[in-house]
Amino acid sequence: MTLAMEASFDQQAPKKPTNLSLNTDLLKKCRALNINLSVTLEQALNDKLAETAAHKFDNEKLDKLTPMIEYAGEKLLVLTPQVATVPAQLLKKPAGSLQQFRDEIIAAMDFAVTGL
């Protein structure tokens, strides 16, 4: 069972005839049960739009939390959630400076703490 989602498209927009390729057995069974293919496909596509938008939103949040930086010619992922697990003795001998990434690092830390 699926929950009805609010439409993410203009339901009043005109309909456009479209050709689709469907599995013949699936089509035959749907027709035998009088399943309205247009309505069913619109619902499925609306659900897919919502799922994709939610996934994109999750990826954007993850990008804020773990920004990608380039240091010494390497692309590196800042693992902000793991900062607190780094032993203090490892922080005594700097290997270099990340000053140029200050804004990205502070934004990631802020996001980790506030979620904003």
Protein backbone atom coordinates (compact mmCIF):
# COMPACT_ATOMS: atom_id res chain seq x y z
CA MET A 1 0.00 0.00 0.00
CA THR A 2 1.29 3.46 -0.85
CA LEU A 3 0.35 6.77 0.65
CA ALA A 4 -1.12 9.39 -1.65
CA MET A 5 1.35 12.20 -2.21
CA GLU A 6 0.53 15.75 -3.10
CA ALA A 7 0.89 16.26 -6.82
CA SER A 8 4.21 17.80 -7.83
CA PHE A 9 2.88 18.84 -11.22
CA ASP A 10 0.04 20.94 -12.63
CA GLN A 11 -2.90 18.55 -12.68
CA GLN A 12 -4.86 21.01 -14.84
CA ALA A 13 -2.26 21.00 -17.63
CA PRO A 14 -3.53 19.51 -20.90
CA LYS A 15 -2.95 15.82 -21.60
CA LYS A 16 -0.62 14.81 -24.41
CA PRO A 17 -0.87 11.48 -26.23
CA THR A 18 2.36 9.55 -25.73
CA ASN A 19 3.65 6.24 -27.05
CA LEU A 20 5.06 3.80 -24.50
CA SER A 21 6.56 0.35 -24.74
CA LEU A 22 5.16 -1.99 -22.09
CA ASN A 23 5.55 -5.66 -21.30
CA THR A 24 2.71 -7.38 -23.17
CA ASP A 25 1.79 -9.66 -20.27
CA LEU A 26 1.68 -6.72 -17.86
CA LEU A 27 -0.49 -4.74 -20.26
CA LYS A 28 -2.87 -7.66 -20.77
CA LYS A 29 -3.30 -8.17 -17.01
CA CYS A 30 -3.86 -4.46 -16.38
CA ARG A 31 -6.50 -4.28 -19.12
CA ALA A 32 -8.22 -7.40 -17.72
CA LEU A 33 -8.54 -5.61 -14.37
CA ASN A 34 -9.64 -2.33 -16.01
CA ILE A 35 -6.64 -0.46 -14.62
CA ASN A 36 -6.48 3.05 -16.04
CA LEU A 37 -2.94 3.20 -17.40
CA SER A 38 -2.83 7.00 -17.71
CA VAL A 39 -3.89 7.60 -14.11
CA THR A 40 -1.65 4.84 -12.79
CA LEU A 41 1.38 6.10 -14.72
CA GLU A 42 0.77 9.70 -13.59
CA GLN A 43 0.65 8.53 -9.97
CA ALA A 44 3.81 6.45 -10.38
CA LEU A 45 5.66 9.31 -12.07
CA ASN A 46 4.53 11.75 -9.38
CA ASP A 47 5.83 9.37 -6.70
CA LYS A 48 9.13 9.03 -8.59
CA LEU A 49 9.43 12.84 -8.83
CA ALA A 50 8.93 13.15 -5.07
CA GLU A 51 11.41 10.34 -4.34
CA THR A 52 14.03 11.86 -6.65
CA ALA A 53 13.55 15.34 -5.16
CA ALA A 54 13.92 13.92 -1.63
CA HIS A 55 17.08 12.04 -2.66
CA LYS A 56 18.52 15.20 -4.21
CA PHE A 57 17.72 17.11 -1.00
CA ASP A 58 19.50 14.42 1.07
CA ASN A 59 22.54 14.61 -1.23
CA GLU A 60 22.63 18.41 -0.88
CA LYS A 61 22.57 18.06 2.91
CA LEU A 62 25.37 15.49 2.79
CA ASP A 63 27.41 17.80 0.54
CA LYS A 64 27.08 20.56 3.16
CA LEU A 65 28.18 18.22 5.93
CA THR A 66 31.10 16.66 4.04
CA PRO A 67 32.47 19.20 1.56
CA MET A 68 34.94 18.17 -1.13
CA ILE A 69 38.21 20.13 -1.12
CA GLU A 70 41.34 19.92 -3.25
CA TYR A 71 44.59 19.92 -1.32
CA ALA A 72 48.07 19.22 -2.68
CA GLY A 73 46.56 18.10 -5.99
CA GLU A 74 44.22 15.58 -4.35
CA LYS A 75 40.45 15.74 -4.01
CA LEU A 76 39.58 15.08 -0.38
CA LEU A 77 36.30 14.70 1.48
CA VAL A 78 36.11 16.54 4.80
CA LEU A 79 34.52 14.02 7.18
CA THR A 80 33.03 16.57 9.57
CA PRO A 81 31.10 14.02 11.68
CA GLN A 82 34.39 12.27 12.50
CA VAL A 83 36.28 15.38 13.68
CA ALA A 84 35.60 14.64 17.34
CA THR A 85 37.10 11.14 16.99
CA VAL A 86 40.57 12.33 15.94
CA PRO A 87 43.03 11.81 18.84
CA ALA A 88 44.53 15.10 20.07
CA GLN A 89 48.12 13.82 19.71
CA LEU A 90 47.59 13.56 15.93
CA LEU A 91 46.80 17.27 15.79
CA LYS A 92 50.15 18.45 17.21
CA LYS A 93 52.23 18.25 13.99
CA PRO A 94 50.48 20.12 11.16
CA ALA A 95 51.00 18.62 7.73
CA GLY A 96 49.90 21.84 6.06
CA SER A 97 47.29 24.57 6.18
CA LEU A 98 43.65 24.42 5.20
CA GLN A 99 43.20 28.17 5.70
CA GLN A 100 41.89 28.56 2.14
CA PHE A 101 39.03 26.16 3.03
CA ARG A 102 38.13 27.95 6.26
CA ASP A 103 34.65 29.01 5.10
CA GLU A 104 33.74 25.51 3.84
CA ILE A 105 34.99 23.85 7.03
CA ILE A 106 33.19 26.31 9.32
CA ALA A 107 29.99 25.92 7.27
CA ALA A 108 30.24 22.12 7.60
CA MET A 109 30.82 22.34 11.36
CA ASP A 110 27.91 24.77 11.69
CA PHE A 111 25.68 22.41 9.69
CA ALA A 112 26.76 19.49 11.89
CA VAL A 113 25.79 21.40 15.02
CA THR A 114 22.68 23.30 13.88
CA GLY A 115 21.42 21.37 10.83
CA LEU A 116 21.07 24.69 9.00
